[in-house]
Amino acid sequence: MLSMGGVKPWTATMLERTPGLALSIFKASGVERKDLVIIHNQYGINCVTIDSALICKKMGIISTGITSSEFCKTIPQFWELS
């Protein structure tokens, strides 16, 4: 969804952390119930990733997520940060 040629990585990172952006992307994309949505993110915790999955569920769209389970093991869990 946010694969944009020429966009600096930190810009894409800031965009994928923007609450509500996924809905705008879905409206602009014309995704319909008959479509399959593939959601990809390195670790799956940014707003666009989560919102996309929730929008698909609400709209009855089949979706699948692709992430890096190995990378997920390297990031601290929320309870480890306190």
C-alpha atoms as a PDB file:
ATOM      1  CA  MET A   1       0.000   0.000   0.000  1.00  0.00           C
ATOM      2  CA  LEU A   2       2.718   2.444   0.882  1.00  0.00           C
ATOM      3  CA  SER A   3       5.257   1.184  -1.626  1.00  0.00           C
ATOM      4  CA  MET A   4       6.079   4.472  -3.255  1.00  0.00           C
ATOM      5  CA  GLY A   5       9.103   4.805  -5.465  1.00  0.00           C
ATOM      6  CA  GLY A   6      11.413   7.639  -4.528  1.00  0.00           C
ATOM      7  CA  VAL A   7       9.914   8.231  -1.084  1.00  0.00           C
ATOM      8  CA  LYS A   8      12.459   8.370   1.714  1.00  0.00           C
ATOM      9  CA  PRO A   9      12.059   5.449   4.154  1.00  0.00           C
ATOM     10  CA  TRP A  10      11.402   7.716   7.132  1.00  0.00           C
ATOM     11  CA  THR A  11       8.595   9.422   5.199  1.00  0.00           C
ATOM     12  CA  ALA A  12       6.868   6.094   4.553  1.00  0.00           C
ATOM     13  CA  THR A  13       7.371   5.168   8.216  1.00  0.00           C
ATOM     14  CA  MET A  14       5.700   8.389   9.339  1.00  0.00           C
ATOM     15  CA  LEU A  15       2.812   7.779   6.937  1.00  0.00           C
ATOM     16  CA  GLU A  16       2.192   4.230   8.130  1.00  0.00           C
ATOM     17  CA  ARG A  17       1.949   5.538  11.694  1.00  0.00           C
ATOM     18  CA  THR A  18      -0.827   7.994  10.779  1.00  0.00           C
ATOM     19  CA  PRO A  19      -4.165   7.012  12.344  1.00  0.00           C
ATOM     20  CA  GLY A  20      -7.004   6.963   9.812  1.00  0.00           C
ATOM     21  CA  LEU A  21      -4.774   6.817   6.740  1.00  0.00           C
ATOM     22  CA  ALA A  22      -5.784   3.243   5.908  1.00  0.00           C
ATOM     23  CA  LEU A  23      -9.415   4.261   5.396  1.00  0.00           C
ATOM     24  CA  SER A  24      -8.373   6.964   2.929  1.00  0.00           C
ATOM     25  CA  ILE A  25      -6.215   4.452   1.068  1.00  0.00           C
ATOM     26  CA  PHE A  26      -9.078   1.937   0.920  1.00  0.00           C
ATOM     27  CA  LYS A  27     -11.527   4.553  -0.371  1.00  0.00           C
ATOM     28  CA  ALA A  28      -9.086   5.665  -3.076  1.00  0.00           C
ATOM     29  CA  SER A  29      -8.168   2.107  -4.099  1.00  0.00           C
ATOM     30  CA  GLY A  30     -11.653   0.888  -4.914  1.00  0.00           C
ATOM     31  CA  VAL A  31     -11.182  -2.374  -3.012  1.00  0.00           C
ATOM     32  CA  GLU A  32     -14.373  -4.433  -3.036  1.00  0.00           C
ATOM     33  CA  ARG A  33     -15.684  -7.401  -1.104  1.00  0.00           C
ATOM     34  CA  LYS A  34     -14.683  -9.799  -3.904  1.00  0.00           C
ATOM     35  CA  ASP A  35     -11.025  -8.739  -3.650  1.00  0.00           C
ATOM     36  CA  LEU A  36      -8.177 -10.221  -1.638  1.00  0.00           C
ATOM     37  CA  VAL A  37      -6.024  -7.780   0.332  1.00  0.00           C
ATOM     38  CA  ILE A  38      -2.457  -8.724   1.215  1.00  0.00           C
ATOM     39  CA  ILE A  39      -1.128  -6.707   4.148  1.00  0.00           C
ATOM     40  CA  HIS A  40       2.635  -6.630   4.536  1.00  0.00           C
ATOM     41  CA  ASN A  41       4.675  -4.996   7.257  1.00  0.00           C
ATOM     42  CA  GLN A  42       8.020  -5.798   8.830  1.00  0.00           C
ATOM     43  CA  TYR A  43       6.496  -6.195  12.295  1.00  0.00           C
ATOM     44  CA  GLY A  44       2.792  -5.381  11.924  1.00  0.00           C
ATOM     45  CA  ILE A  45       2.302  -2.839  14.693  1.00  0.00           C
ATOM     46  CA  ASN A  46       1.798   0.424  12.798  1.00  0.00           C
ATOM     47  CA  CYS A  47      -1.607   2.085  12.383  1.00  0.00           C
ATOM     48  CA  VAL A  48      -1.998   1.424   8.666  1.00  0.00           C
ATOM     49  CA  THR A  49      -1.289  -2.282   9.111  1.00  0.00           C
ATOM     50  CA  ILE A  50      -3.735  -2.777  11.964  1.00  0.00           C
ATOM     51  CA  ASP A  51      -6.401  -0.457  10.531  1.00  0.00           C
ATOM     52  CA  SER A  52      -6.193  -2.237   7.160  1.00  0.00           C
ATOM     53  CA  ALA A  53      -6.915  -5.597   8.772  1.00  0.00           C
ATOM     54  CA  LEU A  54      -9.819  -4.138  10.758  1.00  0.00           C
ATOM     55  CA  ILE A  55     -11.285  -2.440   7.676  1.00  0.00           C
ATOM     56  CA  CYS A  56     -11.093  -5.707   5.745  1.00  0.00           C
ATOM     57  CA  LYS A  57     -12.863  -7.524   8.554  1.00  0.00           C
ATOM     58  CA  LYS A  58     -15.598  -4.880   8.750  1.00  0.00           C
ATOM     59  CA  MET A  59     -16.119  -4.899   4.961  1.00  0.00           C
ATOM     60  CA  GLY A  60     -16.070  -8.704   4.730  1.00  0.00           C
ATOM     61  CA  ILE A  61     -12.943  -8.656   2.563  1.00  0.00           C
ATOM     62  CA  ILE A  62     -10.587 -11.615   2.696  1.00  0.00           C
ATOM     63  CA  SER A  63      -7.165 -10.487   3.854  1.00  0.00           C
ATOM     64  CA  THR A  64      -3.882 -12.066   4.747  1.00  0.00           C
ATOM     65  CA  GLY A  65      -0.890 -10.647   6.537  1.00  0.00           C
ATOM     66  CA  ILE A  66       2.778 -11.164   5.835  1.00  0.00           C
ATOM     67  CA  THR A  67       5.319 -10.242   8.478  1.00  0.00           C
ATOM     68  CA  SER A  68       8.739 -11.268   9.707  1.00  0.00           C
ATOM     69  CA  SER A  69       8.398 -13.577  12.687  1.00  0.00           C
ATOM     70  CA  GLU A  70      12.181 -13.545  13.158  1.00  0.00           C
ATOM     71  CA  PHE A  71      12.232  -9.740  13.342  1.00  0.00           C
ATOM     72  CA  CYS A  72       9.281  -9.763  15.765  1.00  0.00           C
ATOM     73  CA  LYS A  73      11.359 -11.835  18.179  1.00  0.00           C
ATOM     74  CA  THR A  74      14.006  -9.077  18.307  1.00  0.00           C
ATOM     75  CA  ILE A  75      11.766  -6.158  19.298  1.00  0.00           C
ATOM     76  CA  PRO A  76      10.860  -5.635  22.971  1.00  0.00           C
ATOM     77  CA  GLN A  77       7.376  -6.552  24.092  1.00  0.00           C
ATOM     78  CA  PHE A  78       5.258  -3.760  25.563  1.00  0.00           C
ATOM     79  CA  TRP A  79       5.455  -5.222  29.081  1.00  0.00           C
ATOM     80  CA  GLU A  80       9.262  -5.198  28.869  1.00  0.00           C
ATOM     81  CA  LEU A  81       9.320  -1.421  28.326  1.00  0.00           C
ATOM     82  CA  SER A  82       7.878  -0.390  31.693  1.00  0.00           C
END
